[in-house]
Amino acid sequence: MKKLKIFFATLILFWGSESVFGQYTEVINSNKPGFSESPYSVGTGVYQFENSLFLKNLNTKNLFSIPKSFGFDMLFRTSFFLERLELNAQMSLQNDQIFSTINPTEKMNVTGFGRFVIGAKYLIFEQKYEDKSKEVRSWVRRNGFDKKRLIPSVAVYAGINTDFVSENYKTGSMSPKFGILLQNDLTNEFNLITNIFYDKVGTDFPEFSYIITATQNFNQRWSGFLENQTIFQENFNHTNIGGGLAYLFTKNMQFNASARFLAEGSASGLYGSLGVSYRIDKHKDSFVNVDDNGNEISDTPISRYNKKQESLFSRIFGLKNKKKSNRKKSKKRRNN
């Protein structure tokens, strides 16, 4: 019986911690137009699409190289079970211009998937910061830098490169992809994201890469970013440096654009993209609304929902508390 109680207590604590560390935000939080990935999930009940059209132009004449690509990139993100766990799928349907293997002076066009990856990420640590807005006695403390901001939130990523890609991108079989995702919110308007990936593990074309993205929010609508990505391969490295802008059109839709300089071995070129991110928001929040003093705000949409969605444990504990209350009332009446 004691072990059973410990089990239920642990279960309640686990699910409670998932609610406390909810990842859902009132407005869309998109990774685009950057290549990096935030460690945070979109939240349960959210179905998010991050789409973009891209054009890549590389001045190379090497055999088997791809001097020009035009395509559609899509990232789908959702969370079903846990707030901290996100499932995602990324694919790129593109038309590539490649040099002919028969006649190197001629080019031919090939259409297909350049990438088709299914993965998941889990937030293992979320950094919390002090709310200094209520500090009224000291200007220095209210405006001082919180050293906790130097310690990032951390997530781990695992995915599978499927083999549903065109011939130019096949590696012989499906292969795993692993990563570590970090984010430092250095201020309320400026954050730094760092990704480290080990991709195409176990194939003849393994890749080790990093991405560093700095994002600045200018106001409630506009934000900009600068980014550096380098992919290390056996024969040569791929590096791109770029920047872009994002505009929040509604709380569930964002438009974005980016431009990059590419360096792949001895070749160089440009990359540009235009995109839109949007989400279908079916999230149900079980939190309680409170005012600035921490008091519960009654009769809100969330409170009305919570009353209808009481959990089994809430009903059990509520019944138990009700019985205790009745016993106290009965005892009081007897004493009177």
Protein backbone atom coordinates (compact mmCIF):
# COMPACT_ATOMS: atom_id res chain seq x y z
CA MET A 1 0.00 0.00 0.00
CA LYS A 2 2.86 2.34 0.83
CA LYS A 3 4.50 1.67 -2.54
CA LEU A 4 1.20 2.39 -4.28
CA LYS A 5 0.94 5.77 -2.53
CA ILE A 6 4.51 6.63 -3.53
CA PHE A 7 3.74 5.67 -7.12
CA PHE A 8 0.66 7.94 -7.28
CA ALA A 9 2.52 10.79 -5.61
CA THR A 10 5.33 10.50 -8.14
CA LEU A 11 2.84 10.38 -10.98
CA ILE A 12 1.06 13.51 -9.75
CA LEU A 13 4.38 15.32 -9.28
CA PHE A 14 5.49 14.37 -12.82
CA TRP A 15 2.32 15.59 -14.51
CA GLY A 16 2.30 18.66 -12.32
CA SER A 17 5.84 19.56 -13.37
CA GLU A 18 4.80 19.20 -17.00
CA SER A 19 2.10 21.82 -16.43
CA VAL A 20 4.42 24.18 -14.58
CA PHE A 21 6.95 24.09 -17.39
CA GLY A 22 4.40 24.60 -20.18
CA GLN A 23 5.87 25.56 -23.53
CA TYR A 24 2.79 27.11 -25.06
CA THR A 25 2.92 30.84 -25.90
CA GLU A 26 0.05 33.22 -26.67
CA VAL A 27 1.64 34.19 -30.02
CA ILE A 28 3.34 31.97 -32.58
CA ASN A 29 7.00 31.19 -31.90
CA SER A 30 8.61 30.22 -35.21
CA ASN A 31 12.15 29.07 -35.99
CA LYS A 32 11.99 30.76 -39.38
CA PRO A 33 13.66 32.34 -41.22
CA GLY A 34 16.70 30.90 -39.44
CA PHE A 35 18.12 27.39 -39.83
CA SER A 36 18.56 26.92 -36.08
CA GLU A 37 15.98 25.36 -33.79
CA SER A 38 14.80 26.62 -30.43
CA PRO A 39 14.82 24.10 -27.55
CA TYR A 40 11.20 24.95 -26.74
CA SER A 41 8.18 22.98 -27.89
CA VAL A 42 5.12 24.58 -29.49
CA GLY A 43 2.92 23.13 -26.72
CA THR A 44 0.25 20.46 -26.71
CA GLY A 45 -2.67 20.87 -29.07
CA VAL A 46 -0.74 23.14 -31.45
CA TYR A 47 -0.19 22.22 -35.11
CA GLN A 48 2.39 24.57 -36.58
CA PHE A 49 3.60 24.90 -40.18
CA GLU A 50 6.75 26.83 -41.06
CA ASN A 51 6.99 27.16 -44.85
CA SER A 52 9.31 29.02 -47.20
CA LEU A 53 10.27 29.32 -50.85
CA PHE A 54 14.02 29.40 -51.39
CA LEU A 55 16.50 30.01 -54.20
CA LYS A 56 20.11 28.88 -54.04
CA ASN A 57 22.70 29.93 -56.63
CA LEU A 58 26.28 28.63 -56.49
CA ASN A 59 29.06 29.49 -58.94
CA THR A 60 30.59 26.04 -59.33
CA LYS A 61 31.45 23.77 -62.23
CA ASN A 62 32.48 20.71 -60.27
CA LEU A 63 31.06 17.38 -61.41
CA PHE A 64 28.13 16.16 -59.28
CA SER A 65 27.71 19.65 -57.84
CA ILE A 66 24.38 21.47 -57.73
CA PRO A 67 24.87 25.07 -58.91
CA LYS A 68 21.22 26.10 -58.63
CA SER A 69 18.20 25.00 -56.57
CA PHE A 70 14.69 26.34 -56.25
CA GLY A 71 12.21 24.78 -53.89
CA PHE A 72 9.70 24.67 -51.07
CA ASP A 73 10.83 23.98 -47.51
CA MET A 74 8.33 22.91 -44.85
CA LEU A 75 8.68 22.22 -41.14
CA PHE A 76 5.71 20.72 -39.28
CA ARG A 77 5.71 20.88 -35.47
CA THR A 78 3.28 19.55 -32.87
CA SER A 79 3.07 18.11 -29.38
CA PHE A 80 0.61 15.40 -28.33
CA PHE A 81 1.67 13.95 -25.01
CA LEU A 82 3.97 16.21 -22.99
CA GLU A 83 4.47 19.97 -23.06
CA ARG A 84 8.23 19.51 -23.17
CA LEU A 85 8.19 16.96 -25.99
CA GLU A 86 7.80 18.10 -29.60
CA LEU A 87 7.43 15.91 -32.69
CA ASN A 88 8.40 17.41 -36.04
CA ALA A 89 8.98 16.64 -39.69
CA GLN A 90 11.06 18.66 -42.14
CA MET A 91 11.11 18.26 -45.91
CA SER A 92 12.38 20.17 -48.92
CA LEU A 93 10.76 19.64 -52.31
CA GLN A 94 13.09 21.22 -54.84
CA ASN A 95 14.20 21.45 -58.43
CA ASP A 96 17.98 21.12 -58.75
CA GLN A 97 20.14 22.06 -61.70
CA ILE A 98 23.06 19.63 -61.90
CA PHE A 99 25.87 18.94 -64.31
CA SER A 100 25.32 15.95 -66.59
CA THR A 101 27.46 12.91 -65.80
CA ILE A 102 27.58 12.12 -69.53
CA ASN A 103 28.56 15.57 -70.75
CA PRO A 104 30.02 17.79 -68.00
CA THR A 105 29.35 20.92 -70.09
CA GLU A 106 25.60 20.27 -70.06
CA LYS A 107 23.15 20.75 -67.20
CA MET A 108 19.96 18.91 -66.40
CA ASN A 109 17.09 19.50 -63.96
CA VAL A 110 16.03 16.99 -61.31
CA THR A 111 12.95 17.41 -59.10
CA GLY A 112 12.49 15.59 -55.82
CA PHE A 113 12.99 15.77 -52.08
CA GLY A 114 16.34 17.09 -50.98
CA ARG A 115 15.56 16.38 -47.35
CA PHE A 116 12.94 14.40 -45.45
CA VAL A 117 13.64 14.17 -41.73
CA ILE A 118 11.34 13.02 -38.93
CA GLY A 119 12.43 13.91 -35.42
CA ALA A 120 11.62 14.87 -31.84
CA LYS A 121 13.10 17.14 -29.21
CA TYR A 122 12.72 17.22 -25.45
CA LEU A 123 13.42 20.16 -23.15
CA ILE A 124 15.51 18.79 -20.30
CA PHE A 125 16.25 22.12 -18.60
CA GLU A 126 14.41 25.45 -18.72
CA GLN A 127 16.14 28.50 -17.25
CA LYS A 128 14.00 30.81 -15.13
CA TYR A 129 14.78 34.49 -14.66
CA GLU A 130 13.99 36.98 -11.93
CA ASP A 131 11.09 39.37 -12.45
CA LYS A 132 12.74 42.70 -11.61
CA SER A 133 9.80 44.85 -12.67
CA LYS A 134 8.47 44.76 -9.08
CA GLU A 135 11.78 45.94 -7.60
CA VAL A 136 11.04 49.56 -6.59
CA ARG A 137 13.57 50.19 -3.86
CA SER A 138 16.74 49.91 -5.95
CA TRP A 139 17.26 51.17 -9.50
CA VAL A 140 20.54 49.24 -9.69
CA ARG A 141 18.87 45.92 -8.82
CA ARG A 142 15.92 46.59 -11.12
CA ASN A 143 18.22 47.25 -14.09
CA GLY A 144 21.07 44.91 -13.17
CA PHE A 145 22.01 41.90 -15.34
CA ASP A 146 20.67 38.55 -14.18
CA LYS A 147 23.63 36.15 -14.24
CA LYS A 148 21.23 33.23 -14.73
CA ARG A 149 20.82 34.44 -18.32
CA LEU A 150 24.33 33.12 -19.04
CA ILE A 151 23.07 29.58 -18.39
CA PRO A 152 21.00 28.36 -21.38
CA SER A 153 17.83 26.33 -21.59
CA VAL A 154 18.74 22.89 -22.99
CA ALA A 155 16.94 20.36 -25.19
CA VAL A 156 18.06 17.17 -26.89
CA TYR A 157 17.09 16.22 -30.43
CA ALA A 158 16.89 12.85 -32.21
CA GLY A 159 15.69 12.24 -35.74
CA ILE A 160 15.77 9.93 -38.74
CA ASN A 161 16.85 10.90 -42.25
CA THR A 162 14.44 8.95 -44.41
CA ASP A 163 15.47 7.64 -47.82
CA PHE A 164 12.51 9.31 -49.57
CA VAL A 165 14.84 11.74 -51.35
CA SER A 166 16.03 12.17 -54.92
CA GLU A 167 19.06 10.27 -56.17
CA ASN A 168 21.45 13.18 -55.59
CA TYR A 169 20.79 13.16 -51.83
CA LYS A 170 20.62 9.43 -51.09
CA THR A 171 23.17 8.02 -48.65
CA GLY A 172 22.32 4.35 -49.14
CA SER A 173 19.89 3.92 -46.23
CA MET A 174 18.05 5.73 -43.48
CA SER A 175 20.34 7.29 -40.89
CA PRO A 176 20.00 8.93 -37.47
CA LYS A 177 20.53 12.56 -36.57
CA PHE A 178 21.35 13.80 -33.07
CA GLY A 179 21.58 17.29 -31.65
CA ILE A 180 21.82 19.57 -28.64
CA LEU A 181 19.73 22.75 -28.67
CA LEU A 182 20.61 25.70 -26.45
CA GLN A 183 18.99 29.11 -25.91
CA ASN A 184 20.15 32.09 -23.85
CA ASP A 185 17.64 34.91 -23.33
CA LEU A 186 20.26 37.56 -22.60
CA THR A 187 17.54 40.22 -22.34
CA ASN A 188 13.77 40.23 -22.82
CA GLU A 189 14.33 41.37 -26.42
CA PHE A 190 17.59 39.60 -27.36
CA ASN A 191 18.33 35.87 -27.40
CA LEU A 192 21.09 33.61 -28.61
CA ILE A 193 20.42 30.10 -29.97
CA THR A 194 23.18 27.51 -30.42
CA ASN A 195 22.66 24.14 -32.12
CA ILE A 196 25.16 21.31 -32.42
CA PHE A 197 24.28 18.37 -34.71
CA TYR A 198 25.79 15.04 -35.70
CA ASP A 199 23.96 14.03 -38.87
CA LYS A 200 23.83 11.05 -41.24
CA VAL A 201 25.47 8.88 -38.61
CA GLY A 202 26.77 5.52 -39.86
CA THR A 203 26.79 6.49 -43.55
CA ASP A 204 29.67 7.33 -45.88
CA PHE A 205 28.66 11.01 -45.64
CA PRO A 206 28.56 11.92 -41.93
CA GLU A 207 28.19 15.57 -41.01
CA PHE A 208 29.06 17.53 -37.89
CA SER A 209 27.64 21.04 -37.74
CA TYR A 210 26.89 24.03 -35.56
CA ILE A 211 24.50 26.96 -35.90
CA ILE A 212 24.59 30.21 -33.92
CA THR A 213 21.64 32.60 -34.24
CA ALA A 214 21.24 36.01 -32.60
CA THR A 215 17.69 37.41 -32.62
CA GLN A 216 16.59 40.91 -31.65
CA ASN A 217 12.96 41.95 -31.14
CA PHE A 218 12.52 45.55 -32.25
CA ASN A 219 8.91 45.85 -31.10
CA GLN A 220 5.82 43.62 -30.77
CA ARG A 221 5.66 43.07 -34.55
CA TRP A 222 9.20 43.14 -35.97
CA SER A 223 12.30 41.10 -35.22
CA GLY A 224 15.61 40.50 -36.99
CA PHE A 225 18.35 37.90 -36.85
CA LEU A 226 21.97 37.21 -37.79
CA GLU A 227 23.16 33.63 -38.21
CA ASN A 228 26.24 31.55 -38.92
CA GLN A 229 26.10 27.87 -39.88
CA THR A 230 29.04 25.60 -40.69
CA ILE A 231 28.79 21.96 -41.78
CA PHE A 232 31.96 19.89 -41.55
CA GLN A 233 32.30 17.05 -44.08
CA GLU A 234 35.18 14.76 -45.02
CA ASN A 235 36.11 16.50 -48.27
CA PHE A 236 35.14 20.14 -47.64
CA ASN A 237 33.05 22.36 -45.38
CA HIS A 238 29.83 24.31 -46.03
CA THR A 239 29.48 27.72 -44.42
CA ASN A 240 26.74 30.32 -44.68
CA ILE A 241 26.36 33.71 -43.03
CA GLY A 242 23.09 35.55 -43.27
CA GLY A 243 20.34 37.59 -41.76
CA GLY A 244 16.67 38.32 -42.09
CA LEU A 245 13.47 39.85 -40.78
CA ALA A 246 10.23 38.46 -39.38
CA TYR A 247 6.88 40.24 -39.08
CA LEU A 248 4.10 39.07 -36.75
CA PHE A 249 0.92 39.52 -38.80
CA THR A 250 -1.47 37.97 -36.28
CA LYS A 251 -0.89 35.98 -33.11
CA ASN A 252 -1.02 32.80 -35.21
CA MET A 253 0.80 33.94 -38.38
CA GLN A 254 4.26 35.30 -39.18
CA PHE A 255 5.91 36.41 -42.44
CA ASN A 256 9.68 36.30 -42.90
CA ALA A 257 12.53 36.82 -45.36
CA SER A 258 16.26 36.05 -45.33
CA ALA A 259 19.43 36.37 -47.42
CA ARG A 260 22.70 34.47 -47.03
CA PHE A 261 26.23 34.28 -48.40
CA LEU A 262 27.37 30.72 -49.13
CA ALA A 263 30.85 29.20 -49.17
CA GLU A 264 31.05 25.52 -50.13
CA GLY A 265 34.63 24.42 -50.63
CA SER A 266 36.09 26.63 -53.37
CA ALA A 267 32.62 27.69 -54.58
CA SER A 268 30.57 30.62 -53.35
CA GLY A 269 27.05 31.87 -53.90
CA LEU A 270 23.84 33.32 -52.50
CA TYR A 271 20.72 31.97 -50.83
CA GLY A 272 17.39 33.76 -50.39
CA SER A 273 14.04 32.80 -48.91
CA LEU A 274 10.51 34.14 -48.40
CA GLY A 275 8.23 32.37 -45.98
CA VAL A 276 5.15 32.24 -43.80
CA SER A 277 4.61 30.42 -40.52
CA TYR A 278 1.18 29.72 -39.12
CA ARG A 279 -0.42 27.50 -36.52
CA ILE A 280 -3.72 25.83 -35.74
CA ASP A 281 -4.14 26.51 -32.04
CA LYS A 282 -6.14 23.87 -30.17
CA HIS A 283 -4.22 24.26 -26.93
CA LYS A 284 -6.14 23.84 -23.67
CA ASP A 285 -4.50 25.52 -20.70
CA SER A 286 -5.08 24.17 -17.20
CA PHE A 287 -3.38 27.08 -15.44
CA VAL A 288 -5.21 29.55 -13.21
CA ASN A 289 -5.31 33.24 -14.13
CA VAL A 290 -3.98 35.51 -11.38
CA ASP A 291 -3.73 39.27 -10.98
CA ASP A 292 -0.58 41.27 -10.15
CA ASN A 293 -0.98 40.39 -6.47
CA GLY A 294 -1.20 36.67 -7.13
CA ASN A 295 -4.92 36.40 -6.46
CA GLU A 296 -7.03 34.15 -8.66
CA ILE A 297 -9.18 35.90 -11.26
CA SER A 298 -12.59 34.22 -11.24
CA ASP A 299 -14.99 33.74 -14.13
CA THR A 300 -12.51 33.69 -16.99
CA PRO A 301 -12.58 31.38 -20.03
CA ILE A 302 -9.73 29.38 -18.48
CA SER A 303 -11.45 29.05 -15.11
CA ARG A 304 -14.68 27.96 -16.75
CA TYR A 305 -12.76 25.35 -18.75
CA ASN A 306 -10.92 24.08 -15.68
CA LYS A 307 -14.21 23.53 -13.85
CA LYS A 308 -15.39 21.31 -16.68
CA GLN A 309 -12.10 19.47 -17.06
CA GLU A 310 -11.38 18.38 -13.50
CA SER A 311 -9.03 15.45 -13.43
CA LEU A 312 -9.69 12.15 -11.71
CA PHE A 313 -7.24 13.06 -8.97
CA SER A 314 -8.94 16.43 -8.44
CA ARG A 315 -12.30 14.74 -8.03
CA ILE A 316 -10.91 12.18 -5.59
CA PHE A 317 -9.08 14.77 -3.50
CA GLY A 318 -12.04 17.13 -3.73
CA LEU A 319 -14.34 14.42 -2.39
CA LYS A 320 -11.90 13.69 0.39
CA ASN A 321 -11.71 17.37 1.39
CA LYS A 322 -15.50 17.61 1.25
CA LYS A 323 -15.83 14.67 3.67
CA LYS A 324 -13.35 16.32 6.03
CA SER A 325 -15.30 19.56 5.88
CA ASN A 326 -18.58 17.72 6.63
CA ARG A 327 -16.98 15.97 9.59
CA LYS A 328 -15.80 19.31 10.97
CA LYS A 329 -19.27 20.82 10.58
CA SER A 330 -20.87 17.79 12.32
CA LYS A 331 -18.39 18.01 15.17
CA LYS A 332 -19.05 21.72 15.56
CA ARG A 333 -22.80 21.13 15.71
CA ARG A 334 -22.36 18.42 18.37
CA ASN A 335 -20.21 20.75 20.46
CA ASN A 336 -22.90 23.41 20.25
